[in-house]
Protein backbone atom coordinates (compact mmCIF):
# COMPACT_ATOMS: atom_id res chain seq x y z
CA MET A 1 167.85 57.07 -8.04
CA CYS A 2 166.86 54.56 -4.85
CA ALA A 3 168.72 54.18 -1.89
CA THR A 4 170.24 50.51 -1.25
CA ASP A 5 167.49 48.30 1.15
CA GLU A 6 170.75 48.61 3.47
CA ASP A 7 170.93 51.86 3.52
CA ALA A 8 166.91 52.43 4.00
CA CYS A 9 166.42 49.57 6.87
CA ARG A 10 169.45 50.98 8.60
CA LEU A 11 167.99 54.14 8.54
CA ARG A 12 164.43 53.19 9.92
CA GLU A 13 166.83 52.28 12.75
CA VAL A 14 167.68 55.66 13.37
CA SER A 15 164.60 57.36 12.74
CA PRO A 16 160.61 56.19 13.25
CA ILE A 17 159.55 58.40 10.34
CA ALA A 18 161.97 56.52 8.02
CA GLY A 19 159.61 54.50 6.52
CA PHE A 20 157.09 57.68 5.25
CA LEU A 21 159.62 59.42 3.21
CA THR A 22 160.44 59.00 -0.45
CA ASP A 23 163.25 56.95 -1.80
CA ALA A 24 164.79 60.45 -2.46
CA GLN A 25 164.52 61.64 0.69
CA ARG A 26 166.21 58.65 2.20
CA LEU A 27 168.85 59.14 -0.05
CA ALA A 28 169.43 62.59 0.77
CA VAL A 29 169.47 61.59 4.73
CA ILE A 30 171.63 58.74 3.69
CA ARG A 31 174.27 61.45 1.78
CA TRP A 32 173.83 63.67 4.90
CA GLU A 33 174.76 61.02 7.44
CA ARG A 34 177.98 59.82 5.41
CA GLU A 35 179.39 63.21 4.81
CA GLN A 36 179.02 63.86 8.75
CA LEU A 37 180.40 60.37 9.51
CA HIS A 38 183.43 61.06 6.89
CA GLY A 39 183.80 64.93 6.19
CA PHE A 40 182.78 64.10 2.19
CA PHE A 41 180.50 62.93 0.17
CA MET A 42 181.15 61.96 -3.96
CA ASP A 43 178.76 61.06 -6.20
CA GLY A 44 179.76 59.08 -8.87
CA VAL A 45 179.16 60.04 -12.26
CA ALA A 46 179.62 59.48 -16.27
CA GLU A 47 182.48 60.58 -18.35
CA THR A 48 180.06 62.41 -20.23
CA THR A 49 178.31 64.07 -17.72
CA ALA A 50 181.06 66.92 -18.41
CA VAL A 51 183.30 68.19 -20.80
CA LEU A 52 186.94 66.61 -20.19
CA PRO A 53 190.36 67.62 -21.29
CA ALA A 54 192.25 64.77 -23.17
CA GLY A 55 194.30 62.93 -21.34
CA ARG A 56 192.33 63.17 -17.78
CA ARG A 57 192.68 59.41 -17.03
CA ASP A 58 196.44 59.38 -16.61
CA ARG A 59 195.99 62.52 -14.43
CA LEU A 60 193.62 60.50 -11.96
CA VAL A 61 194.34 61.25 -8.28
CA ARG A 62 194.05 57.83 -6.00
CA VAL A 63 191.81 58.71 -2.74
CA SER A 64 192.03 56.17 0.02
CA GLY A 65 192.82 56.16 3.20
CA PRO A 66 190.55 55.67 7.34
CA ALA A 67 188.02 58.11 6.41
CA THR A 68 187.24 55.76 3.37
CA ALA A 69 186.49 53.04 4.77
CA LEU A 70 182.46 51.30 5.89
CA ALA A 71 181.72 52.45 9.23
CA GLY A 72 182.56 49.55 11.92
CA THR A 73 185.44 48.26 9.28
CA SER A 74 188.61 49.03 9.00
CA VAL A 75 188.91 47.92 4.80
CA GLU A 76 190.10 51.25 2.81
CA ASN A 77 188.03 51.88 -0.49
CA VAL A 78 189.95 53.50 -3.16
CA GLY A 79 188.55 56.34 -5.41
CA TRP A 80 189.55 57.89 -8.34
CA CYS A 81 189.41 62.00 -8.87
CA LEU A 82 189.82 64.01 -11.34
CA SER A 83 192.74 66.37 -10.80
CA PRO A 84 192.47 69.54 -10.01
CA GLU A 85 192.96 71.34 -12.97
CA ASP A 86 190.80 68.60 -14.79
CA LEU A 87 188.16 69.11 -12.50
CA CYS A 88 188.66 72.83 -12.99
CA VAL A 89 188.42 72.53 -16.27
CA ALA A 90 184.88 70.19 -16.05
CA ARG A 91 183.54 73.15 -14.09
CA LEU A 92 184.54 76.32 -15.72
CA CYS A 93 182.58 74.04 -18.76
CA ALA A 94 179.72 74.06 -16.89
CA ASN A 95 179.77 77.68 -16.35
CA ARG A 96 177.19 77.58 -13.55
CA ASP A 97 177.52 80.81 -11.35
CA LYS A 98 178.54 77.69 -8.11
CA ASP A 99 181.32 76.25 -10.66
CA ARG A 100 183.36 79.70 -11.18
CA VAL A 101 182.82 80.17 -7.76
CA PHE A 102 184.36 77.11 -6.88
CA VAL A 103 187.85 77.52 -9.31
CA GLY A 104 188.25 80.94 -8.01
CA ALA A 105 188.50 79.31 -4.71
CA LEU A 106 190.60 77.00 -6.07
CA LEU A 107 192.79 79.28 -7.84
CA ASP A 108 193.05 81.70 -4.91
CA ALA A 109 194.33 79.10 -2.22
CA GLY A 110 196.94 77.63 -4.99
CA PRO A 111 196.78 74.31 -5.68
CA VAL A 112 196.16 74.68 -9.70
CA ASP A 113 197.87 76.86 -12.29
CA PRO A 114 195.75 79.40 -13.92
CA GLU A 115 197.52 79.16 -17.47
CA THR A 116 197.04 74.65 -17.15
CA VAL A 117 193.52 75.41 -16.50
CA GLN A 118 193.33 78.08 -19.24
CA ASP A 119 195.04 75.49 -22.04
CA ALA A 120 193.17 72.27 -21.01
CA LYS A 121 189.64 74.34 -21.05
CA THR A 122 189.72 75.62 -24.29
CA ALA A 123 191.33 72.01 -25.85
CA ALA A 124 188.57 70.58 -24.46
CA ARG A 125 186.16 72.74 -25.56
CA SER A 126 187.33 72.04 -29.32
CA ARG A 127 187.29 68.17 -28.68
CA ARG A 128 183.72 68.85 -28.01
CA ALA A 129 182.57 71.33 -30.62
CA ALA A 130 184.95 68.77 -32.94
CA GLU A 131 182.27 65.50 -32.09
């Protein structure tokens, strides 16, 4: 994955060593910069990247607001994210340590219903096995 020319040019203005960085290193710096600026960074992924429950498109959460605007503009971007429950299912199906910690934190904080997550996880795994 390569940084865009615009991002690379902007990075060169900020750092004199940027011209010596690989594309992957430039991208890491750009991600860090955007996270510092907006408080978060999202990677877009294909639907086939994760095990997702049926009907997830009907439960997508719209994300927009001042933090989504490009620097120096007031034009807000719109992103569509998985519902907290669908995100938990995807993370539990991946079943890495960091995913279990993430889901545990969401369950402890209370924004997701454990039964809904368990039911959706079971359905997603069954659907994936049938494919």
